[in-house]
């Protein structure tokens, strides 16, 4: 982060009167909304920190660390006192008067754009650390960053520019244009990188399912296998008197007079040999009867992931991509998996999606009475269940879940209606067919290459 840009940002932020909202929207990115309308984002990634201006963004996940709680309680709805760049270093100090304070109180959010030591630190009036995005102990640095510790100043930065050359200047009226352009550039590059990564993940799943489909035996081959095993069982019964306990194979003639050799099973008593082959014949026949079901199941899962692939290609924001293919979280909650269906998390709400009729039925049976059920109107596709725990769902969660419902049910772009209601108002008819009442409807536009400008 360049010093002259920080100074221009400081001048621009001093035009505002208060901070409406402060929150973390990504692992290393903080959003500050000034005077209700202007959102500035501070990416505090070590070695690659920068500031950009963009429309307000929904967090990719819920952040509930002590730093996030204090950032929200101390800076949201706070009065802005001053923004400075102290001692010509790459530090932005945002000083505010919290609305929640019982008496006059001053809190500073210090944003340090200092390479590997990049950090966001909340300080009190005496520069004692309240909380920080990253804690640093004495073993890692002489400058300890922990709650309750007085924050030491960063050693003065020797800069050839400041000694021999005047720093470039950027007028505060132009800095917004620069930060907005940076957002577009960074967003485009990041979106492309994320898409490549997410598409690769989904493509692997599609290829795996395709291989499983190709491995499925045909019904004719299974029937042929069943007949062979049945014949082996009958031949063993007819020649049982010839078989010795130590024999490993039986040489005989089939019922058409052709010579045949039957490999005998290990660890099976002689008088159970025929049962062994009759059981194999029975299994092959049962599999022949049900192989079409297994094929339909695999094909529906493959189609499900093909819909995800298409939706990723059309996604316009990292938020959409994270909904479709979430990152592997560190917490146990993120590692949770469903036996039947696909699991997503939207703003800490558990969202389950059926990939085929069987999984739709399983989700309907497992859902609680106050959970929200969703489905595209008059179009067969995925059932969506949102676990509510009897809470009222934010509109943002309903809209995001409705988009998932459309993305996983249809490929063609267009406008679709998604009905939703509580699970207790949904009656299962036959299979995954249902009747429902007391429902509401959301309209979802699925974009595509044909209609996107």
Protein backbone atom coordinates (compact mmCIF):
# COMPACT_ATOMS: atom_id res chain seq x y z
CA UNK A 1 0.00 0.00 0.00
CA UNK A 2 1.54 3.29 -1.10
CA UNK A 3 1.91 6.08 1.44
CA UNK A 4 0.52 8.84 -0.81
CA UNK A 5 -2.62 6.75 -1.43
CA UNK A 6 -3.10 6.28 2.32
CA UNK A 7 -2.87 10.04 2.80
CA UNK A 8 -5.48 10.64 0.10
CA UNK A 9 -7.72 7.98 1.69
CA UNK A 10 -7.27 9.66 5.07
CA UNK A 11 -8.31 13.03 3.63
CA UNK A 12 -11.34 11.47 1.94
CA UNK A 13 -12.54 9.62 5.05
CA UNK A 14 -12.37 12.83 7.06
CA UNK A 15 -15.24 14.12 4.90
CA UNK A 16 -17.61 11.71 6.69
CA UNK A 17 -19.35 12.20 10.03
CA UNK A 18 -19.88 8.67 11.35
CA UNK A 19 -19.38 4.95 10.71
CA UNK A 20 -22.69 3.15 10.13
CA UNK A 21 -21.37 -0.39 10.16
CA UNK A 22 -18.10 -2.21 10.77
CA UNK A 23 -17.65 -5.91 10.11
CA UNK A 24 -15.36 -8.53 8.62
CA UNK A 25 -16.64 -9.81 5.27
CA UNK A 26 -13.76 -12.17 4.43
CA UNK A 27 -10.95 -13.77 6.39
CA UNK A 28 -8.70 -10.72 5.99
CA UNK A 29 -11.08 -8.01 4.79
CA UNK A 30 -12.90 -5.42 6.91
CA UNK A 31 -15.80 -3.36 5.60
CA UNK A 32 -16.49 0.10 7.03
CA UNK A 33 -19.66 1.87 5.91
CA UNK A 34 -19.47 5.66 6.27
CA UNK A 35 -22.59 7.81 6.57
CA UNK A 36 -24.82 4.82 5.62
CA UNK A 37 -23.90 4.85 1.93
CA UNK A 38 -20.16 4.66 1.25
CA UNK A 39 -18.47 1.30 1.81
CA UNK A 40 -14.68 1.05 1.99
CA UNK A 41 -12.92 -2.28 2.25
CA UNK A 42 -9.55 -2.84 3.90
CA UNK A 43 -7.88 -6.06 2.79
CA UNK A 44 -5.33 -6.84 5.52
CA UNK A 45 -3.65 -9.82 3.86
CA UNK A 46 -0.01 -10.05 4.90
CA UNK A 47 2.29 -8.85 2.16
CA UNK A 48 -0.63 -7.93 -0.11
CA UNK A 49 -2.78 -5.39 1.73
CA UNK A 50 -4.82 -2.78 -0.12
CA UNK A 51 -7.97 -0.63 0.10
CA UNK A 52 -10.87 -0.55 -2.34
CA UNK A 53 -14.32 1.00 -2.60
CA UNK A 54 -17.34 -1.02 -3.69
CA UNK A 55 -21.04 -1.61 -2.94
CA UNK A 56 -21.65 -3.21 0.47
CA UNK A 57 -21.01 -6.95 0.44
CA UNK A 58 -22.51 -9.84 2.38
CA UNK A 59 -19.94 -11.75 4.43
CA UNK A 60 -18.79 -15.06 2.92
CA UNK A 61 -19.39 -16.61 6.34
CA UNK A 62 -20.25 -15.59 9.89
CA UNK A 63 -17.31 -14.14 11.81
CA UNK A 64 -17.76 -14.33 15.57
CA UNK A 65 -14.26 -14.04 17.00
CA UNK A 66 -13.70 -11.54 19.86
CA UNK A 67 -12.21 -9.10 17.36
CA UNK A 68 -15.39 -9.21 15.23
CA UNK A 69 -17.68 -8.72 18.22
CA UNK A 70 -15.70 -5.71 19.46
CA UNK A 71 -15.24 -4.25 15.98
CA UNK A 72 -19.02 -4.25 15.55
CA UNK A 73 -19.93 -3.00 19.03
CA UNK A 74 -17.31 -0.22 19.16
CA UNK A 75 -17.34 1.12 15.60
CA UNK A 76 -20.85 0.49 14.26
CA UNK A 77 -22.96 3.66 14.68
CA UNK A 78 -19.92 5.49 16.10
CA UNK A 79 -19.09 9.17 15.58
CA UNK A 80 -16.02 9.72 13.42
CA UNK A 81 -13.50 11.99 15.14
CA UNK A 82 -10.52 11.93 12.80
CA UNK A 83 -8.57 9.80 10.36
CA UNK A 84 -4.80 10.23 10.24
CA UNK A 85 -1.61 8.77 8.78
CA UNK A 86 0.86 9.22 11.65
CA UNK A 87 4.56 9.93 11.07
CA UNK A 88 4.36 9.28 7.35
CA UNK A 89 4.17 5.53 7.92
CA UNK A 90 1.85 3.08 6.18
CA UNK A 91 -0.67 3.22 9.02
CA UNK A 92 -4.24 4.48 8.96
CA UNK A 93 -5.64 5.52 12.36
CA UNK A 94 -9.44 5.84 12.50
CA UNK A 95 -10.48 7.49 15.75
CA UNK A 96 -14.15 7.25 16.80
CA UNK A 97 -16.49 7.89 19.72
CA UNK A 98 -18.54 4.69 20.20
CA UNK A 99 -22.27 5.09 20.46
CA UNK A 100 -22.48 2.29 23.03
CA UNK A 101 -20.16 4.00 25.55
CA UNK A 102 -21.68 5.10 28.88
CA UNK A 103 -19.39 8.15 29.00
CA UNK A 104 -17.08 9.97 26.63
CA UNK A 105 -14.80 7.33 25.22
CA UNK A 106 -12.39 7.24 22.31
CA UNK A 107 -11.48 4.11 20.38
CA UNK A 108 -8.99 3.85 17.53
CA UNK A 109 -8.95 1.29 14.75
CA UNK A 110 -5.33 1.16 13.62
CA UNK A 111 -4.88 -0.41 10.19
CA UNK A 112 -1.24 -1.28 9.57
CA UNK A 113 -0.25 -1.86 5.93
CA UNK A 114 3.27 -2.96 6.84
CA UNK A 115 4.11 -6.04 4.78
CA UNK A 116 4.40 -9.23 6.81
CA UNK A 117 3.28 -7.40 9.99
CA UNK A 118 0.02 -6.17 8.44
CA UNK A 119 -2.70 -6.03 11.10
CA UNK A 120 -5.93 -4.40 12.29
CA UNK A 121 -5.82 -3.35 15.96
CA UNK A 122 -8.45 -1.82 18.25
CA UNK A 123 -6.95 0.59 20.80
CA UNK A 124 -8.24 2.60 23.77
CA UNK A 125 -7.39 6.24 24.61
CA UNK A 126 -4.00 5.18 26.00
CA UNK A 127 -3.04 3.00 23.01
CA UNK A 128 -3.66 -0.14 25.04
CA UNK A 129 -4.78 -2.99 22.81
CA UNK A 130 -8.46 -3.91 23.13
CA UNK A 131 -8.32 -6.65 20.48
CA UNK A 132 -6.58 -7.40 17.17
CA UNK A 133 -7.17 -9.29 13.97
CA UNK A 134 -3.87 -11.12 14.56
CA UNK A 135 -2.20 -11.71 17.91
CA UNK A 136 1.61 -11.59 18.00
CA UNK A 137 3.61 -12.91 20.97
CA UNK A 138 7.09 -12.01 22.19
CA UNK A 139 8.63 -15.06 20.53
CA UNK A 140 7.62 -13.81 17.09
CA UNK A 141 8.36 -10.10 17.46
CA UNK A 142 9.61 -7.45 19.90
CA UNK A 143 6.22 -5.78 19.38
CA UNK A 144 3.63 -7.82 21.27
CA UNK A 145 0.06 -7.55 19.99
CA UNK A 146 -2.31 -8.93 22.61
CA UNK A 147 -5.32 -7.54 24.53
CA UNK A 148 -4.33 -5.49 27.59
CA UNK A 149 -0.82 -4.72 26.30
CA UNK A 150 0.28 -1.19 25.41
CA UNK A 151 1.02 -1.09 21.69
CA UNK A 152 4.60 -0.10 20.89
CA UNK A 153 5.21 2.22 17.96
CA UNK A 154 6.58 0.81 14.74
CA UNK A 155 10.22 1.87 14.22
CA UNK A 156 10.53 4.82 11.81
CA UNK A 157 10.57 3.69 8.20
CA UNK A 158 13.56 4.81 6.15
CA UNK A 159 12.30 5.88 2.77
CA UNK A 160 14.41 7.13 -0.09
CA UNK A 161 11.33 8.82 -1.51
CA UNK A 162 10.77 10.94 1.57
CA UNK A 163 14.46 11.86 1.79
CA UNK A 164 15.37 12.66 -1.78
CA UNK A 165 12.18 12.79 -3.82
CA UNK A 166 8.78 14.35 -3.14
CA UNK A 167 5.98 11.81 -2.76
CA UNK A 168 3.34 11.75 -5.51
CA UNK A 169 0.05 13.25 -4.45
CA UNK A 170 -3.49 12.13 -5.09
CA UNK A 171 -6.37 14.51 -4.47
CA UNK A 172 -9.00 13.14 -2.09
CA UNK A 173 -11.72 13.86 -4.67
CA UNK A 174 -10.06 11.40 -7.09
CA UNK A 175 -9.22 8.65 -4.64
CA UNK A 176 -12.71 7.13 -4.82
CA UNK A 177 -12.33 6.65 -8.57
CA UNK A 178 -8.95 4.96 -8.04
CA UNK A 179 -10.32 2.67 -5.28
CA UNK A 180 -13.39 1.73 -7.33
CA UNK A 181 -11.24 0.86 -10.34
CA UNK A 182 -8.98 -1.20 -8.09
CA UNK A 183 -12.04 -3.10 -6.88
CA UNK A 184 -13.07 -3.92 -10.45
CA UNK A 185 -9.55 -5.06 -11.39
CA UNK A 186 -9.02 -7.15 -8.25
CA UNK A 187 -12.54 -8.57 -8.39
CA UNK A 188 -12.18 -9.66 -12.02
CA UNK A 189 -8.85 -11.38 -11.39
CA UNK A 190 -10.03 -12.98 -8.16
CA UNK A 191 -13.26 -14.17 -9.73
CA UNK A 192 -11.36 -15.85 -12.55
CA UNK A 193 -9.01 -17.59 -10.11
CA UNK A 194 -11.87 -18.73 -7.86
CA UNK A 195 -13.85 -20.00 -10.85
CA UNK A 196 -10.93 -22.09 -12.07
CA UNK A 197 -10.53 -23.62 -8.63
CA UNK A 198 -14.25 -24.28 -8.08
CA UNK A 199 -14.78 -25.61 -11.61
CA UNK A 200 -11.91 -28.04 -11.12
CA UNK A 201 -13.45 -29.34 -7.89
CA UNK A 202 -16.85 -29.89 -9.51
CA UNK A 203 -15.33 -31.36 -12.67
CA UNK A 204 -13.59 -34.02 -10.57
CA UNK A 205 -16.94 -35.04 -9.07
CA UNK A 206 -18.56 -35.19 -12.51
CA UNK A 207 -15.74 -37.37 -13.87
CA UNK A 208 -15.92 -39.67 -10.86
CA UNK A 209 -19.66 -40.19 -11.37
CA UNK A 210 -19.11 -40.76 -15.09
CA UNK A 211 -16.57 -43.49 -14.32
CA UNK A 212 -19.05 -45.14 -11.93
CA UNK A 213 -21.70 -45.03 -14.67
CA UNK A 214 -19.31 -46.62 -17.15
CA UNK A 215 -18.48 -49.39 -14.68
CA UNK A 216 -22.14 -50.34 -14.22
CA UNK A 217 -22.81 -53.73 -15.82
CA UNK A 218 -25.66 -53.98 -18.29
CA UNK A 219 -28.87 -55.80 -17.40
CA UNK A 220 -28.17 -58.38 -20.14
CA UNK A 221 -24.70 -59.19 -18.76
CA UNK A 222 -26.08 -59.58 -15.25
CA UNK A 223 -28.80 -61.93 -16.52
CA UNK A 224 -26.16 -63.94 -18.36
CA UNK A 225 -24.05 -64.08 -15.18
CA UNK A 226 -27.07 -65.25 -13.18
CA UNK A 227 -27.69 -68.11 -15.65
CA UNK A 228 -24.05 -69.22 -15.47
CA UNK A 229 -24.02 -69.25 -11.66
CA UNK A 230 -27.35 -71.13 -11.64
CA UNK A 231 -25.90 -73.73 -14.03
CA UNK A 232 -22.79 -74.12 -11.80
CA UNK A 233 -25.03 -74.75 -8.80
CA UNK A 234 -27.03 -77.40 -10.67
CA UNK A 235 -23.90 -79.14 -12.00
CA UNK A 236 -22.39 -79.30 -8.52
CA UNK A 237 -25.60 -80.82 -7.17
CA UNK A 238 -25.50 -83.43 -9.94
CA UNK A 239 -21.83 -84.26 -9.26
CA UNK A 240 -21.66 -83.76 -5.51
CA UNK A 241 -20.70 -87.39 -4.89
CA UNK A 242 -17.47 -86.92 -6.92
CA UNK A 243 -16.19 -83.86 -5.01
CA UNK A 244 -13.57 -84.43 -2.31
CA UNK A 245 -13.09 -81.99 0.60
CA UNK A 246 -9.63 -81.00 -0.69
CA UNK A 247 -10.68 -80.39 -4.32
CA UNK A 248 -10.23 -76.84 -5.66
CA UNK A 249 -12.08 -77.34 -8.94
CA UNK A 250 -14.58 -79.64 -10.55
CA UNK A 251 -14.09 -80.98 -14.08
CA UNK A 252 -17.33 -82.26 -15.59
CA UNK A 253 -19.70 -81.85 -18.56
CA UNK A 254 -22.55 -79.37 -18.81
CA UNK A 255 -26.07 -80.38 -19.72
CA UNK A 256 -25.24 -80.08 -23.42
CA UNK A 257 -22.28 -82.44 -23.16
CA UNK A 258 -19.52 -79.80 -23.29
CA UNK A 259 -16.52 -80.15 -20.96
CA UNK A 260 -16.46 -77.52 -18.23
CA UNK A 261 -14.26 -76.65 -15.24
CA UNK A 262 -15.82 -75.00 -12.16
CA UNK A 263 -13.58 -73.28 -9.64
CA UNK A 264 -14.78 -74.25 -6.15
CA UNK A 265 -15.14 -71.61 -3.43
CA UNK A 266 -12.72 -71.54 -0.49
CA UNK A 267 -13.78 -71.91 3.14
CA UNK A 268 -17.13 -73.42 2.17
CA UNK A 269 -18.27 -76.92 3.09
CA UNK A 270 -18.77 -79.35 0.22
CA UNK A 271 -22.48 -79.72 0.88
CA UNK A 272 -22.85 -75.88 0.68
CA UNK A 273 -21.11 -75.43 -2.70
CA UNK A 274 -24.36 -75.42 -4.65
CA UNK A 275 -25.95 -72.89 -2.27
CA UNK A 276 -22.96 -70.62 -2.82
CA UNK A 277 -23.54 -70.51 -6.59
CA UNK A 278 -27.34 -70.27 -6.24
CA UNK A 279 -26.81 -67.20 -3.99
CA UNK A 280 -24.52 -65.62 -6.58
CA UNK A 281 -27.18 -66.22 -9.23
CA UNK A 282 -29.83 -64.64 -7.01
CA UNK A 283 -27.66 -61.56 -6.38
CA UNK A 284 -26.98 -61.12 -10.08
CA UNK A 285 -30.72 -61.31 -10.88
CA UNK A 286 -31.58 -58.80 -8.15
CA UNK A 287 -28.85 -56.48 -9.41
CA UNK A 288 -30.18 -56.86 -12.96
CA UNK A 289 -33.63 -55.80 -11.75
CA UNK A 290 -32.25 -52.75 -9.88
CA UNK A 291 -29.33 -51.65 -12.06
CA UNK A 292 -31.55 -49.09 -13.81
CA UNK A 293 -32.29 -47.51 -10.42
CA UNK A 294 -28.60 -47.23 -9.62
CA UNK A 295 -28.00 -45.79 -13.09
CA UNK A 296 -30.75 -43.19 -12.63
CA UNK A 297 -29.34 -42.30 -9.22
CA UNK A 298 -25.83 -41.72 -10.61
CA UNK A 299 -27.14 -39.83 -13.64
CA UNK A 300 -29.23 -37.51 -11.44
CA UNK A 301 -26.20 -36.78 -9.24
CA UNK A 302 -24.09 -36.10 -12.32
CA UNK A 303 -26.77 -33.74 -13.66
CA UNK A 304 -26.83 -32.00 -10.27
CA UNK A 305 -23.10 -31.25 -10.44
CA UNK A 306 -23.38 -30.25 -14.10
CA UNK A 307 -25.90 -27.63 -12.96
CA UNK A 308 -23.42 -26.44 -10.33
CA UNK A 309 -20.72 -26.26 -13.01
CA UNK A 310 -22.96 -24.12 -15.20
CA UNK A 311 -23.90 -21.87 -12.25
CA UNK A 312 -20.21 -21.37 -11.39
CA UNK A 313 -19.48 -20.31 -14.97
CA UNK A 314 -22.25 -17.69 -14.74
CA UNK A 315 -21.43 -16.45 -11.19
CA UNK A 316 -20.63 -12.75 -10.90
CA UNK A 317 -19.29 -12.55 -7.34
CA UNK A 318 -17.16 -14.51 -4.85
CA UNK A 319 -20.23 -14.74 -2.61
CA UNK A 320 -22.10 -16.75 -5.26
CA UNK A 321 -19.10 -19.03 -5.76
CA UNK A 322 -18.73 -19.72 -2.03
CA UNK A 323 -22.42 -20.62 -1.83
CA UNK A 324 -22.09 -23.10 -4.67
CA UNK A 325 -18.79 -24.69 -3.57
CA UNK A 326 -17.95 -23.71 0.03
CA UNK A 327 -14.38 -23.79 1.27
CA UNK A 328 -13.46 -26.59 3.61
CA UNK A 329 -13.89 -25.02 7.04
CA UNK A 330 -11.73 -25.68 10.05
CA UNK A 331 -14.63 -26.11 12.44
CA UNK A 332 -16.52 -29.35 12.93
CA UNK A 333 -19.64 -27.65 11.62
CA UNK A 334 -18.01 -27.09 8.24
CA UNK A 335 -16.84 -30.71 8.11
CA UNK A 336 -20.36 -32.01 8.62
CA UNK A 337 -21.69 -34.05 5.75
CA UNK A 338 -25.08 -35.45 4.81
CA UNK A 339 -25.60 -39.12 4.08
CA UNK A 340 -28.16 -38.13 1.47
CA UNK A 341 -28.12 -34.72 -0.18
CA UNK A 342 -25.74 -31.79 -0.44
CA UNK A 343 -25.04 -29.53 2.53
CA UNK A 344 -24.51 -25.75 2.35
CA UNK A 345 -24.17 -22.98 4.95
CA UNK A 346 -25.74 -19.58 4.31
CA UNK A 347 -25.00 -17.01 7.03
CA UNK A 348 -24.66 -19.85 9.55
CA UNK A 349 -27.98 -21.43 8.51
CA UNK A 350 -27.86 -25.08 7.47
CA UNK A 351 -29.26 -25.58 3.95
CA UNK A 352 -29.79 -29.10 2.54
CA UNK A 353 -30.40 -29.84 -1.15
CA UNK A 354 -31.61 -33.11 -2.65
CA UNK A 355 -29.74 -34.31 -5.73
CA UNK A 356 -32.40 -36.77 -6.88
CA UNK A 357 -35.84 -38.11 -5.99
CA UNK A 358 -34.51 -40.51 -3.36
CA UNK A 359 -32.58 -37.75 -1.59
CA UNK A 360 -35.55 -35.37 -1.85
CA UNK A 361 -37.67 -37.97 -0.02
CA UNK A 362 -34.99 -38.45 2.65
CA UNK A 363 -34.73 -34.71 3.29
CA UNK A 364 -38.51 -34.34 3.54
CA UNK A 365 -38.69 -37.13 6.12
CA UNK A 366 -35.76 -35.76 8.16
CA UNK A 367 -36.92 -32.13 8.17
CA UNK A 368 -38.46 -30.61 11.31
CA UNK A 369 -41.93 -29.07 11.25
CA UNK A 370 -40.68 -25.45 11.37
CA UNK A 371 -37.91 -25.92 8.83
CA UNK A 372 -38.40 -24.10 5.53
CA UNK A 373 -39.07 -26.20 2.42
CA UNK A 374 -38.42 -24.79 -1.08
CA UNK A 375 -39.07 -25.97 -4.63
CA UNK A 376 -39.24 -24.49 -8.12
CA UNK A 377 -42.87 -24.08 -9.12
CA UNK A 378 -44.16 -26.57 -11.73
CA UNK A 379 -40.62 -27.78 -12.51
CA UNK A 380 -39.24 -31.10 -11.25
CA UNK A 381 -35.96 -30.62 -9.43
CA UNK A 382 -34.17 -30.34 -6.13
CA UNK A 383 -36.02 -29.92 -2.85
CA UNK A 384 -34.33 -27.47 -0.50
CA UNK A 385 -34.64 -27.60 3.29
CA UNK A 386 -33.44 -24.73 5.50
CA UNK A 387 -32.92 -25.69 9.15
CA UNK A 388 -34.41 -22.79 11.12
CA UNK A 389 -34.31 -23.97 14.76
CA UNK A 390 -37.59 -22.01 15.06
CA UNK A 391 -35.92 -18.71 14.15
CA UNK A 392 -37.17 -16.17 11.62
CA UNK A 393 -34.97 -16.34 8.54
CA UNK A 394 -33.38 -13.17 7.11
CA UNK A 395 -34.48 -12.32 3.57
CA UNK A 396 -30.87 -12.68 2.41
CA UNK A 397 -30.87 -16.36 3.45
CA UNK A 398 -34.21 -17.05 1.72
CA UNK A 399 -33.05 -15.35 -1.49
CA UNK A 400 -29.71 -17.18 -1.52
CA UNK A 401 -31.40 -20.55 -0.89
CA UNK A 402 -33.95 -19.86 -3.63
CA UNK A 403 -31.12 -19.19 -6.06
CA UNK A 404 -29.53 -22.52 -5.09
CA UNK A 405 -32.88 -24.19 -5.68
CA UNK A 406 -33.08 -22.79 -9.22
CA UNK A 407 -29.39 -23.38 -10.01
CA UNK A 408 -29.68 -27.06 -9.08
CA UNK A 409 -33.04 -27.66 -10.80
CA UNK A 410 -32.71 -26.03 -14.22
CA UNK A 411 -29.96 -25.30 -16.74
CA UNK A 412 -31.70 -22.81 -19.02
CA UNK A 413 -31.48 -19.11 -18.17
CA UNK A 414 -34.71 -17.26 -17.46
CA UNK A 415 -37.08 -16.12 -14.71
CA UNK A 416 -38.36 -18.79 -12.31
CA UNK A 417 -40.70 -18.89 -9.33
CA UNK A 418 -39.68 -20.65 -6.12
CA UNK A 419 -42.38 -21.53 -3.59
CA UNK A 420 -41.49 -21.92 0.08
CA UNK A 421 -43.33 -22.77 3.25
CA UNK A 422 -42.81 -24.51 6.58
CA UNK A 423 -42.25 -28.24 6.36
CA UNK A 424 -45.39 -28.92 8.39
CA UNK A 425 -47.50 -27.52 5.54
CA UNK A 426 -46.00 -29.96 3.00
CA UNK A 427 -47.76 -33.31 2.44
CA UNK A 428 -45.88 -36.14 0.74
CA UNK A 429 -47.95 -37.82 -1.98
CA UNK A 430 -46.00 -40.40 -3.96
CA UNK A 431 -42.22 -40.60 -4.02
CA UNK A 432 -40.99 -37.01 -3.75
CA UNK A 433 -44.21 -35.51 -5.13
CA UNK A 434 -45.87 -33.20 -2.63
CA UNK A 435 -48.81 -30.92 -2.01
CA UNK A 436 -48.35 -27.74 0.01
CA UNK A 437 -50.23 -24.66 1.18
CA UNK A 438 -49.69 -21.43 3.17
CA UNK A 439 -46.72 -20.77 0.93
CA UNK A 440 -44.94 -17.67 -0.30
CA UNK A 441 -43.12 -17.16 -3.58
CA UNK A 442 -39.79 -15.69 -4.63
CA UNK A 443 -38.83 -14.74 -8.17
CA UNK A 444 -35.31 -15.78 -9.23
CA UNK A 445 -33.52 -14.83 -12.44
CA UNK A 446 -31.07 -17.39 -13.70
CA UNK A 447 -28.66 -15.64 -15.98
CA UNK A 448 -26.76 -17.21 -18.85
CA UNK A 449 -24.50 -16.40 -21.71
CA UNK A 450 -27.51 -15.81 -23.97
CA UNK A 451 -28.92 -12.95 -21.91
CA UNK A 452 -25.95 -11.53 -20.04
CA UNK A 453 -24.62 -8.22 -21.38
